[in-house]
Amino acid sequence: VDRGMLVRDEKGGPIYSEEEFGDFELRFEWKIAEGGNSGVKYRMKYY
């Protein structure tokens, strides 16, 4: 956590919400480093 932002700072793996959600509206703000690749997944399930 840096200045009110949640930052992927170094290799550590993805992180997950503790709670599960079904029907929802999620809103968020983001920026990414040059050449970067990331994403937000939802309704995660183990297969």
All heavy atoms as atom14 arrays in JSON, in Angstrom:
{
  "sequence": "VDRGMLVRDEKGGPIYSEEEFGDFELRFEWKIAEGGNSGVKYRMKYY",
  "atom14_mask": [
    [1, 1, 1, 1, 1, 1, 1, 0, 0, 0, 0, 0, 0, 0],
    [1, 1, 1, 1, 1, 1, 1, 1, 0, 0, 0, 0, 0, 0],
    [1, 1, 1, 1, 1, 1, 1, 1, 1, 1, 1, 0, 0, 0],
    [1, 1, 1, 1, 0, 0, 0, 0, 0, 0, 0, 0, 0, 0],
    [1, 1, 1, 1, 1, 1, 1, 1, 0, 0, 0, 0, 0, 0],
    [1, 1, 1, 1, 1, 1, 1, 1, 0, 0, 0, 0, 0, 0],
    [1, 1, 1, 1, 1, 1, 1, 0, 0, 0, 0, 0, 0, 0],
    [1, 1, 1, 1, 1, 1, 1, 1, 1, 1, 1, 0, 0, 0],
    [1, 1, 1, 1, 1, 1, 1, 1, 0, 0, 0, 0, 0, 0],
    [1, 1, 1, 1, 1, 1, 1, 1, 1, 0, 0, 0, 0, 0],
    [1, 1, 1, 1, 1, 1, 1, 1, 1, 0, 0, 0, 0, 0],
    [1, 1, 1, 1, 0, 0, 0, 0, 0, 0, 0, 0, 0, 0],
    [1, 1, 1, 1, 0, 0, 0, 0, 0, 0, 0, 0, 0, 0],
    [1, 1, 1, 1, 1, 1, 1, 0, 0, 0, 0, 0, 0, 0],
    [1, 1, 1, 1, 1, 1, 1, 1, 0, 0, 0, 0, 0, 0],
    [1, 1, 1, 1, 1, 1, 1, 1, 1, 1, 1, 1, 0, 0],
    [1, 1, 1, 1, 1, 1, 0, 0, 0, 0, 0, 0, 0, 0],
    [1, 1, 1, 1, 1, 1, 1, 1, 1, 0, 0, 0, 0, 0],
    [1, 1, 1, 1, 1, 1, 1, 1, 1, 0, 0, 0, 0, 0],
    [1, 1, 1, 1, 1, 1, 1, 1, 1, 0, 0, 0, 0, 0],
    [1, 1, 1, 1, 1, 1, 1, 1, 1, 1, 1, 0, 0, 0],
    [1, 1, 1, 1, 0, 0, 0, 0, 0, 0, 0, 0, 0, 0],
    [1, 1, 1, 1, 1, 1, 1, 1, 0, 0, 0, 0, 0, 0],
    [1, 1, 1, 1, 1, 1, 1, 1, 1, 1, 1, 0, 0, 0],
    [1, 1, 1, 1, 1, 1, 1, 1, 1, 0, 0, 0, 0, 0],
    [1, 1, 1, 1, 1, 1, 1, 1, 0, 0, 0, 0, 0, 0],
    [1, 1, 1, 1, 1, 1, 1, 1, 1, 1, 1, 0, 0, 0],
    [1, 1, 1, 1, 1, 1, 1, 1, 1, 1, 1, 0, 0, 0],
    [1, 1, 1, 1, 1, 1, 1, 1, 1, 0, 0, 0, 0, 0],
    [1, 1, 1, 1, 1, 1, 1, 1, 1, 1, 1, 1, 1, 1],
    [1, 1, 1, 1, 1, 1, 1, 1, 1, 0, 0, 0, 0, 0],
    [1, 1, 1, 1, 1, 1, 1, 1, 0, 0, 0, 0, 0, 0],
    [1, 1, 1, 1, 1, 0, 0, 0, 0, 0, 0, 0, 0, 0],
    [1, 1, 1, 1, 1, 1, 1, 1, 1, 0, 0, 0, 0, 0],
    [1, 1, 1, 1, 0, 0, 0, 0, 0, 0, 0, 0, 0, 0],
    [1, 1, 1, 1, 0, 0, 0, 0, 0, 0, 0, 0, 0, 0],
    [1, 1, 1, 1, 1, 1, 1, 1, 0, 0, 0, 0, 0, 0],
    [1, 1, 1, 1, 1, 1, 0, 0, 0, 0, 0, 0, 0, 0],
    [1, 1, 1, 1, 0, 0, 0, 0, 0, 0, 0, 0, 0, 0],
    [1, 1, 1, 1, 1, 1, 1, 0, 0, 0, 0, 0, 0, 0],
    [1, 1, 1, 1, 1, 1, 1, 1, 1, 0, 0, 0, 0, 0],
    [1, 1, 1, 1, 1, 1, 1, 1, 1, 1, 1, 1, 0, 0],
    [1, 1, 1, 1, 1, 1, 1, 1, 1, 1, 1, 0, 0, 0],
    [1, 1, 1, 1, 1, 1, 1, 1, 0, 0, 0, 0, 0, 0],
    [1, 1, 1, 1, 1, 1, 1, 1, 1, 0, 0, 0, 0, 0],
    [1, 1, 1, 1, 1, 1, 1, 1, 1, 1, 1, 1, 0, 0],
    [1, 1, 1, 1, 1, 1, 1, 1, 1, 1, 1, 1, 0, 0]
  ],
  "atom14_positions": [
    [[0.87, -1.18, 0.0], [0.0, 0.0, 0.0], [0.9, 1.22, 0.0], [1.78, 1.36, 0.86], [-0.92, 0.01, 1.23], [-1.77, 1.28, 1.24], [-1.82, -1.23, 1.24], [0.0, 0.0, 0.0], [0.0, 0.0, 0.0], [0.0, 0.0, 0.0], [0.0, 0.0, 0.0], [0.0, 0.0, 0.0], [0.0, 0.0, 0.0], [0.0, 0.0, 0.0]],
    [[0.71, 2.09, -0.97], [1.56, 3.27, -1.12], [0.69, 4.48, -1.44], [0.05, 4.52, -2.49], [2.58, 3.04, -2.24], [3.49, 4.24, -2.47], [3.75, 4.98, -1.5], [3.93, 4.45, -3.61], [0.0, 0.0, 0.0], [0.0, 0.0, 0.0], [0.0, 0.0, 0.0], [0.0, 0.0, 0.0], [0.0, 0.0, 0.0], [0.0, 0.0, 0.0]],
    [[0.64, 5.44, -0.53], [-0.09, 6.68, -0.72], [-1.54, 6.45, -1.14], [-2.07, 7.08, -2.05], [0.61, 7.57, -1.73], [1.97, 8.1, -1.24], [2.72, 8.8, -2.34], [3.14, 7.86, -3.37], [3.74, 8.22, -4.51], [3.95, 9.5, -4.77], [4.11, 7.31, -5.37], [0.0, 0.0, 0.0], [0.0, 0.0, 0.0], [0.0, 0.0, 0.0]],
    [[-2.19, 5.52, -0.45], [-3.59, 5.25, -0.71], [-3.85, 4.36, -1.91], [-5.01, 4.17, -2.3], [0.0, 0.0, 0.0], [0.0, 0.0, 0.0], [0.0, 0.0, 0.0], [0.0, 0.0, 0.0], [0.0, 0.0, 0.0], [0.0, 0.0, 0.0], [0.0, 0.0, 0.0], [0.0, 0.0, 0.0], [0.0, 0.0, 0.0], [0.0, 0.0, 0.0]],
    [[-2.8, 3.79, -2.5], [-2.95, 2.92, -3.67], [-2.48, 1.51, -3.34], [-1.57, 1.31, -2.56], [-2.14, 3.47, -4.84], [-2.6, 4.82, -5.36], [-1.53, 5.51, -6.65], [-0.06, 5.94, -5.69], [0.0, 0.0, 0.0], [0.0, 0.0, 0.0], [0.0, 0.0, 0.0], [0.0, 0.0, 0.0], [0.0, 0.0, 0.0], [0.0, 0.0, 0.0]],
    [[-3.12, 0.53, -3.97], [-2.71, -0.86, -3.86], [-1.81, -1.16, -5.05], [-2.24, -1.06, -6.21], [-3.95, -1.76, -3.88], [-3.74, -3.27, -3.79], [-2.89, -3.64, -2.57], [-5.08, -3.98, -3.74], [0.0, 0.0, 0.0], [0.0, 0.0, 0.0], [0.0, 0.0, 0.0], [0.0, 0.0, 0.0], [0.0, 0.0, 0.0], [0.0, 0.0, 0.0]],
    [[-0.55, -1.52, -4.77], [0.47, -1.58, -5.82], [1.06, -2.98, -5.91], [1.49, -3.55, -4.9], [1.61, -0.57, -5.54], [2.6, -0.56, -6.71], [1.05, 0.82, -5.29], [0.0, 0.0, 0.0], [0.0, 0.0, 0.0], [0.0, 0.0, 0.0], [0.0, 0.0, 0.0], [0.0, 0.0, 0.0], [0.0, 0.0, 0.0], [0.0, 0.0, 0.0]],
    [[1.07, -3.52, -7.14], [1.83, -4.74, -7.39], [3.26, -4.29, -7.57], [3.64, -3.73, -8.58], [1.29, -5.45, -8.64], [1.95, -6.8, -8.91], [3.22, -6.62, -9.69], [3.93, -7.88, -9.93], [5.2, -7.95, -10.25], [5.94, -6.87, -10.39], [5.77, -9.11, -10.46], [0.0, 0.0, 0.0], [0.0, 0.0, 0.0], [0.0, 0.0, 0.0]],
    [[4.1, -4.56, -6.54], [5.43, -3.97, -6.47], [6.52, -4.92, -6.94], [7.5, -4.5, -7.52], [5.71, -3.54, -5.02], [6.97, -2.72, -4.88], [7.09, -1.73, -5.63], [7.82, -3.06, -4.05], [0.0, 0.0, 0.0], [0.0, 0.0, 0.0], [0.0, 0.0, 0.0], [0.0, 0.0, 0.0], [0.0, 0.0, 0.0], [0.0, 0.0, 0.0]],
    [[6.35, -6.2, -6.68], [7.34, -7.19, -7.09], [6.65, -8.54, -7.18], [5.5, -8.68, -6.78], [8.5, -7.26, -6.08], [8.05, -7.61, -4.68], [9.18, -7.59, -3.68], [10.24, -7.02, -3.98], [8.99, -8.17, -2.6], [0.0, 0.0, 0.0], [0.0, 0.0, 0.0], [0.0, 0.0, 0.0], [0.0, 0.0, 0.0], [0.0, 0.0, 0.0]],
    [[7.35, -9.52, -7.74], [6.72, -10.82, -7.95], [6.27, -11.43, -6.63], [7.04, -11.56, -5.69], [7.71, -11.77, -8.63], [7.06, -13.06, -9.16], [6.11, -12.77, -10.3], [5.54, -14.05, -10.89], [4.55, -13.79, -11.96], [0.0, 0.0, 0.0], [0.0, 0.0, 0.0], [0.0, 0.0, 0.0], [0.0, 0.0, 0.0], [0.0, 0.0, 0.0]],
    [[4.99, -11.75, -6.56], [4.46, -12.35, -5.35], [3.21, -13.16, -5.6], [2.66, -13.77, -4.7], [0.0, 0.0, 0.0], [0.0, 0.0, 0.0], [0.0, 0.0, 0.0], [0.0, 0.0, 0.0], [0.0, 0.0, 0.0], [0.0, 0.0, 0.0], [0.0, 0.0, 0.0], [0.0, 0.0, 0.0], [0.0, 0.0, 0.0], [0.0, 0.0, 0.0]],
    [[2.74, -13.15, -6.85], [1.53, -13.89, -7.18], [0.29, -13.02, -7.09], [0.31, -11.93, -6.52], [0.0, 0.0, 0.0], [0.0, 0.0, 0.0], [0.0, 0.0, 0.0], [0.0, 0.0, 0.0], [0.0, 0.0, 0.0], [0.0, 0.0, 0.0], [0.0, 0.0, 0.0], [0.0, 0.0, 0.0], [0.0, 0.0, 0.0], [0.0, 0.0, 0.0]],
    [[-0.82, -13.47, -7.67], [-2.06, -12.71, -7.6], [-2.63, -12.69, -6.2], [-2.26, -13.52, -5.35], [-2.98, -13.47, -8.57], [-2.45, -14.88, -8.54], [-0.96, -14.75, -8.39], [0.0, 0.0, 0.0], [0.0, 0.0, 0.0], [0.0, 0.0, 0.0], [0.0, 0.0, 0.0], [0.0, 0.0, 0.0], [0.0, 0.0, 0.0], [0.0, 0.0, 0.0]],
    [[-3.53, -11.76, -5.94], [-4.22, -11.71, -4.65], [-5.73, -11.78, -4.89], [-6.22, -11.42, -5.96], [-3.84, -10.46, -3.83], [-4.16, -9.17, -4.59], [-2.38, -10.53, -3.44], [-3.91, -7.91, -3.76], [0.0, 0.0, 0.0], [0.0, 0.0, 0.0], [0.0, 0.0, 0.0], [0.0, 0.0, 0.0], [0.0, 0.0, 0.0], [0.0, 0.0, 0.0]],
    [[-6.44, -12.24, -3.85], [-7.86, -12.56, -3.98], [-8.67, -11.87, -2.88], [-8.21, -11.74, -1.74], [-8.07, -14.07, -3.85], [-7.44, -14.89, -4.94], [-6.06, -15.13, -4.96], [-8.2, -15.43, -5.96], [-5.48, -15.87, -5.96], [-7.63, -16.19, -6.97], [-6.26, -16.41, -6.97], [-5.68, -17.14, -7.97], [0.0, 0.0, 0.0], [0.0, 0.0, 0.0]],
    [[-9.9, -11.51, -3.23], [-10.81, -11.02, -2.2], [-11.17, -12.16, -1.27], [-11.3, -13.32, -1.7], [-12.09, -10.46, -2.85], [-12.8, -11.47, -3.53], [0.0, 0.0, 0.0], [0.0, 0.0, 0.0], [0.0, 0.0, 0.0], [0.0, 0.0, 0.0], [0.0, 0.0, 0.0], [0.0, 0.0, 0.0], [0.0, 0.0, 0.0], [0.0, 0.0, 0.0]],
    [[-11.3, -11.85, 0.01], [-11.7, -12.89, 0.96], [-13.12, -13.38, 0.68], [-13.42, -14.55, 0.84], [-11.62, -12.35, 2.39], [-10.22, -12.14, 2.91], [-10.2, -11.67, 4.35], [-11.21, -11.09, 4.8], [-9.17, -11.86, 5.01], [0.0, 0.0, 0.0], [0.0, 0.0, 0.0], [0.0, 0.0, 0.0], [0.0, 0.0, 0.0], [0.0, 0.0, 0.0]],
    [[-13.96, -12.47, 0.25], [-15.38, -12.78, 0.05], [-15.64, -13.19, -1.4], [-14.97, -12.75, -2.33], [-16.23, -11.56, 0.4], [-17.72, -11.8, 0.38], [-18.52, -10.6, 0.83], [-17.91, -9.65, 1.35], [-19.76, -10.61, 0.63], [0.0, 0.0, 0.0], [0.0, 0.0, 0.0], [0.0, 0.0, 0.0], [0.0, 0.0, 0.0], [0.0, 0.0, 0.0]],
    [[-16.64, -14.05, -1.58], [-17.11, -14.4, -2.9], [-18.29, -13.51, -3.29], [-19.07, -13.1, -2.45], [-17.54, -15.87, -2.97], [-16.39, -16.85, -2.78], [-16.81, -18.27, -3.09], [-18.03, -18.5, -3.36], [-15.95, -19.16, -3.07], [0.0, 0.0, 0.0], [0.0, 0.0, 0.0], [0.0, 0.0, 0.0], [0.0, 0.0, 0.0], [0.0, 0.0, 0.0]],
    [[-18.38, -13.22, -4.59], [-19.45, -12.36, -5.08], [-20.12, -13.01, -6.28], [-19.46, -13.62, -7.12], [-18.89, -10.99, -5.47], [-18.2, -10.28, -4.33], [-16.82, -10.31, -4.21], [-18.94, -9.6, -3.38], [-16.18, -9.67, -3.18], [-18.3, -8.95, -2.32], [-16.92, -8.98, -2.22], [0.0, 0.0, 0.0], [0.0, 0.0, 0.0], [0.0, 0.0, 0.0]],
    [[-21.43, -12.82, -6.38], [-22.19, -13.35, -7.49], [-22.56, -12.25, -8.47], [-21.83, -11.96, -9.4], [0.0, 0.0, 0.0], [0.0, 0.0, 0.0], [0.0, 0.0, 0.0], [0.0, 0.0, 0.0], [0.0, 0.0, 0.0], [0.0, 0.0, 0.0], [0.0, 0.0, 0.0], [0.0, 0.0, 0.0], [0.0, 0.0, 0.0], [0.0, 0.0, 0.0]],
    [[-23.71, -11.61, -8.24], [-24.13, -10.48, -9.06], [-23.64, -9.2, -8.42], [-23.93, -8.93, -7.24], [-25.65, -10.45, -9.19], [-26.2, -11.61, -10.01], [-25.38, -12.34, -10.59], [-27.43, -11.77, -10.07], [0.0, 0.0, 0.0], [0.0, 0.0, 0.0], [0.0, 0.0, 0.0], [0.0, 0.0, 0.0], [0.0, 0.0, 0.0], [0.0, 0.0, 0.0]],
    [[-22.92, -8.38, -9.18], [-22.28, -7.21, -8.59], [-21.93, -6.19, -9.65], [-21.91, -6.48, -10.86], [-21.01, -7.61, -7.84], [-19.94, -8.18, -8.73], [-19.05, -7.36, -9.43], [-19.83, -9.55, -8.93], [-18.08, -7.88, -10.27], [-18.87, -10.1, -9.77], [-17.98, -9.26, -10.44], [0.0, 0.0, 0.0], [0.0, 0.0, 0.0], [0.0, 0.0, 0.0]],
    [[-21.63, -4.98, -9.18], [-20.98, -3.96, -9.99], [-19.7, -3.57, -9.27], [-19.74, -3.14, -8.11], [-21.87, -2.73, -10.17], [-21.2, -1.61, -10.96], [-22.07, -0.37, -11.1], [-23.26, -0.43, -10.7], [-21.56, 0.65, -11.59], [0.0, 0.0, 0.0], [0.0, 0.0, 0.0], [0.0, 0.0, 0.0], [0.0, 0.0, 0.0], [0.0, 0.0, 0.0]],
    [[-18.58, -3.77, -9.92], [-17.28, -3.45, -9.36], [-16.72, -2.25, -10.1], [-16.71, -2.23, -11.34], [-16.33, -4.64, -9.51], [-14.88, -4.42, -9.05], [-14.79, -4.31, -7.54], [-13.97, -5.54, -9.57], [0.0, 0.0, 0.0], [0.0, 0.0, 0.0], [0.0, 0.0, 0.0], [0.0, 0.0, 0.0], [0.0, 0.0, 0.0], [0.0, 0.0, 0.0]],
    [[-16.26, -1.25, -9.37], [-15.61, -0.11, -10.01], [-14.26, 0.13, -9.36], [-14.1, -0.06, -8.17], [-16.5, 1.14, -9.97], [-16.84, 1.65, -8.58], [-17.92, 2.73, -8.69], [-18.17, 3.35, -7.39], [-19.18, 4.19, -7.15], [-20.02, 4.5, -8.12], [-19.36, 4.71, -5.96], [0.0, 0.0, 0.0], [0.0, 0.0, 0.0], [0.0, 0.0, 0.0]],
    [[-13.3, 0.56, -10.18], [-11.95, 0.74, -9.69], [-11.19, 1.64, -10.65], [-11.57, 1.81, -11.81], [-11.23, -0.61, -9.55], [-11.21, -1.44, -10.81], [-10.12, -1.43, -11.67], [-12.3, -2.23, -11.15], [-10.1, -2.2, -12.84], [-12.3, -3.0, -12.32], [-11.2, -2.99, -13.16], [0.0, 0.0, 0.0], [0.0, 0.0, 0.0], [0.0, 0.0, 0.0]],
    [[-10.1, 2.23, -10.15], [-9.22, 3.02, -10.98], [-7.85, 2.36, -11.0], [-7.43, 1.76, -9.99], [-9.12, 4.45, -10.45], [-10.44, 5.2, -10.54], [-10.34, 6.64, -10.06], [-9.23, 7.06, -9.65], [-11.36, 7.36, -10.08], [0.0, 0.0, 0.0], [0.0, 0.0, 0.0], [0.0, 0.0, 0.0], [0.0, 0.0, 0.0], [0.0, 0.0, 0.0]],
    [[-7.15, 2.48, -12.12], [-5.87, 1.78, -12.27], [-4.97, 2.52, -13.26], [-5.42, 3.29, -14.1], [-6.1, 0.36, -12.79], [-6.8, 0.33, -14.12], [-8.14, 0.32, -14.35], [-6.18, 0.37, -15.43], [-8.41, 0.34, -15.7], [-7.22, 0.37, -16.38], [-4.85, 0.39, -15.86], [-6.98, 0.39, -17.76], [-4.6, 0.42, -17.23], [-5.65, 0.41, -18.16]],
    [[-3.67, 2.26, -13.11], [-2.69, 2.64, -14.13], [-1.63, 1.56, -14.14], [-1.47, 0.81, -13.17], [-2.08, 4.02, -13.85], [-1.23, 4.11, -12.6], [-0.65, 5.52, -12.45], [0.21, 5.63, -11.19], [0.83, 6.97, -11.04], [0.0, 0.0, 0.0], [0.0, 0.0, 0.0], [0.0, 0.0, 0.0], [0.0, 0.0, 0.0], [0.0, 0.0, 0.0]],
    [[-0.89, 1.47, -15.26], [0.06, 0.39, -15.41], [1.38, 0.95, -15.94], [1.4, 1.98, -16.62], [-0.48, -0.7, -16.35], [0.33, -2.0, -16.21], [-0.56, -0.24, -17.79], [-0.37, -3.21, -16.77], [0.0, 0.0, 0.0], [0.0, 0.0, 0.0], [0.0, 0.0, 0.0], [0.0, 0.0, 0.0], [0.0, 0.0, 0.0], [0.0, 0.0, 0.0]],
    [[2.47, 0.25, -15.62], [3.78, 0.67, -16.09], [3.9, 0.45, -17.6], [3.17, -0.35, -18.2], [4.87, -0.1, -15.36], [0.0, 0.0, 0.0], [0.0, 0.0, 0.0], [0.0, 0.0, 0.0], [0.0, 0.0, 0.0], [0.0, 0.0, 0.0], [0.0, 0.0, 0.0], [0.0, 0.0, 0.0], [0.0, 0.0, 0.0], [0.0, 0.0, 0.0]],
    [[4.84, 1.15, -18.21], [5.05, 1.03, -19.64], [5.33, -0.42, -20.03], [6.14, -1.1, -19.4], [6.21, 1.92, -20.08], [6.43, 1.95, -21.58], [7.51, 2.93, -21.99], [8.07, 3.61, -21.1], [7.8, 3.02, -23.21], [0.0, 0.0, 0.0], [0.0, 0.0, 0.0], [0.0, 0.0, 0.0], [0.0, 0.0, 0.0], [0.0, 0.0, 0.0]],
    [[4.62, -0.9, -21.04], [4.79, -2.28, -21.49], [4.13, -3.31, -20.59], [4.36, -4.51, -20.76], [0.0, 0.0, 0.0], [0.0, 0.0, 0.0], [0.0, 0.0, 0.0], [0.0, 0.0, 0.0], [0.0, 0.0, 0.0], [0.0, 0.0, 0.0], [0.0, 0.0, 0.0], [0.0, 0.0, 0.0], [0.0, 0.0, 0.0], [0.0, 0.0, 0.0]],
    [[3.3, -2.85, -19.66], [2.76, -3.74, -18.65], [1.55, -4.55, -19.08], [0.87, -4.26, -20.06], [0.0, 0.0, 0.0], [0.0, 0.0, 0.0], [0.0, 0.0, 0.0], [0.0, 0.0, 0.0], [0.0, 0.0, 0.0], [0.0, 0.0, 0.0], [0.0, 0.0, 0.0], [0.0, 0.0, 0.0], [0.0, 0.0, 0.0], [0.0, 0.0, 0.0]],
    [[1.27, -5.58, -18.28], [0.17, -6.51, -18.51], [-0.38, -6.93, -17.16], [0.36, -7.36, -16.28], [0.67, -7.73, -19.29], [-0.39, -8.8, -19.47], [-1.58, -8.56, -19.26], [0.04, -10.0, -19.86], [0.0, 0.0, 0.0], [0.0, 0.0, 0.0], [0.0, 0.0, 0.0], [0.0, 0.0, 0.0], [0.0, 0.0, 0.0], [0.0, 0.0, 0.0]],
    [[-1.68, -6.78, -16.96], [-2.32, -7.19, -15.72], [-3.79, -7.45, -16.01], [-4.19, -7.58, -17.17], [-2.13, -6.12, -14.63], [-2.61, -6.59, -13.39], [0.0, 0.0, 0.0], [0.0, 0.0, 0.0], [0.0, 0.0, 0.0], [0.0, 0.0, 0.0], [0.0, 0.0, 0.0], [0.0, 0.0, 0.0], [0.0, 0.0, 0.0], [0.0, 0.0, 0.0]],
    [[-4.59, -7.53, -14.96], [-6.02, -7.75, -15.16], [-6.73, -7.99, -13.85], [-6.12, -8.18, -12.8], [0.0, 0.0, 0.0], [0.0, 0.0, 0.0], [0.0, 0.0, 0.0], [0.0, 0.0, 0.0], [0.0, 0.0, 0.0], [0.0, 0.0, 0.0], [0.0, 0.0, 0.0], [0.0, 0.0, 0.0], [0.0, 0.0, 0.0], [0.0, 0.0, 0.0]],
    [[-8.06, -7.97, -13.94], [-8.92, -8.25, -12.8], [-9.84, -9.41, -13.19], [-10.6, -9.31, -14.16], [-9.77, -7.03, -12.41], [-10.73, -7.38, -11.27], [-8.87, -5.86, -12.01], [0.0, 0.0, 0.0], [0.0, 0.0, 0.0], [0.0, 0.0, 0.0], [0.0, 0.0, 0.0], [0.0, 0.0, 0.0], [0.0, 0.0, 0.0], [0.0, 0.0, 0.0]],
    [[-9.74, -10.51, -12.46], [-10.6, -11.67, -12.7], [-11.72, -11.7, -11.67], [-11.57, -11.19, -10.57], [-9.78, -12.97, -12.64], [-8.77, -13.12, -13.77], [-8.09, -14.49, -13.7], [-7.12, -14.68, -14.85], [-6.47, -16.02, -14.8], [0.0, 0.0, 0.0], [0.0, 0.0, 0.0], [0.0, 0.0, 0.0], [0.0, 0.0, 0.0], [0.0, 0.0, 0.0]],
    [[-12.82, -12.35, -12.04], [-13.97, -12.38, -11.14], [-14.73, -13.69, -11.29], [-14.56, -14.42, -12.26], [-14.87, -11.18, -11.38], [-15.25, -10.92, -12.83], [-16.48, -11.31, -13.33], [-14.37, -10.27, -13.69], [-16.84, -11.07, -14.65], [-14.71, -10.02, -15.01], [-15.95, -10.43, -15.49], [-16.29, -10.18, -16.8], [0.0, 0.0, 0.0], [0.0, 0.0, 0.0]],
    [[-15.56, -13.98, -10.26], [-16.26, -15.27, -10.15], [-15.26, -16.42, -10.33], [-15.5, -17.36, -11.1], [-17.4, -15.37, -11.15], [-18.61, -14.49, -10.84], [-19.72, -14.77, -11.83], [-20.91, -13.94, -11.59], [-21.98, -13.9, -12.41], [-21.99, -14.65, -13.5], [-23.0, -13.13, -12.14], [0.0, 0.0, 0.0], [0.0, 0.0, 0.0], [0.0, 0.0, 0.0]],
    [[-14.18, -16.34, -9.59], [-13.13, -17.35, -9.71], [-13.62, -18.71, -9.18], [-14.29, -18.79, -8.16], [-11.9, -16.92, -8.92], [-11.26, -15.64, -9.45], [-10.51, -15.89, -11.06], [-9.12, -16.92, -10.62], [0.0, 0.0, 0.0], [0.0, 0.0, 0.0], [0.0, 0.0, 0.0], [0.0, 0.0, 0.0], [0.0, 0.0, 0.0], [0.0, 0.0, 0.0]],
    [[-13.24, -19.77, -9.89], [-13.6, -21.13, -9.51], [-12.4, -22.05, -9.72], [-11.64, -21.85, -10.67], [-14.79, -21.63, -10.35], [-15.17, -23.09, -10.08], [-16.25, -23.57, -11.03], [-16.53, -25.06, -10.84], [-17.58, -25.55, -11.76], [0.0, 0.0, 0.0], [0.0, 0.0, 0.0], [0.0, 0.0, 0.0], [0.0, 0.0, 0.0], [0.0, 0.0, 0.0]],
    [[-12.27, -23.04, -8.84], [-11.19, -24.02, -8.99], [-11.69, -25.17, -9.87], [-12.72, -25.79, -9.6], [-10.76, -24.57, -7.63], [-9.58, -25.5, -7.73], [-8.28, -25.01, -7.85], [-9.76, -26.88, -7.71], [-7.2, -25.86, -7.95], [-8.68, -27.74, -7.81], [-7.4, -27.22, -7.92], [-6.33, -28.07, -8.03], [0.0, 0.0, 0.0], [0.0, 0.0, 0.0]],
    [[-10.94, -25.44, -10.95], [-11.27, -26.52, -11.88], [-10.23, -27.63, -11.75], [-9.03, -27.37, -11.88], [-11.28, -26.01, -13.33], [-12.4, -25.04, -13.64], [-12.27, -23.69, -13.31], [-13.57, -25.47, -14.25], [-13.29, -22.79, -13.59], [-14.6, -24.57, -14.54], [-14.45, -23.24, -14.22], [-15.46, -22.35, -14.5], [0.0, 0.0, 0.0], [0.0, 0.0, 0.0]]
  ]
}
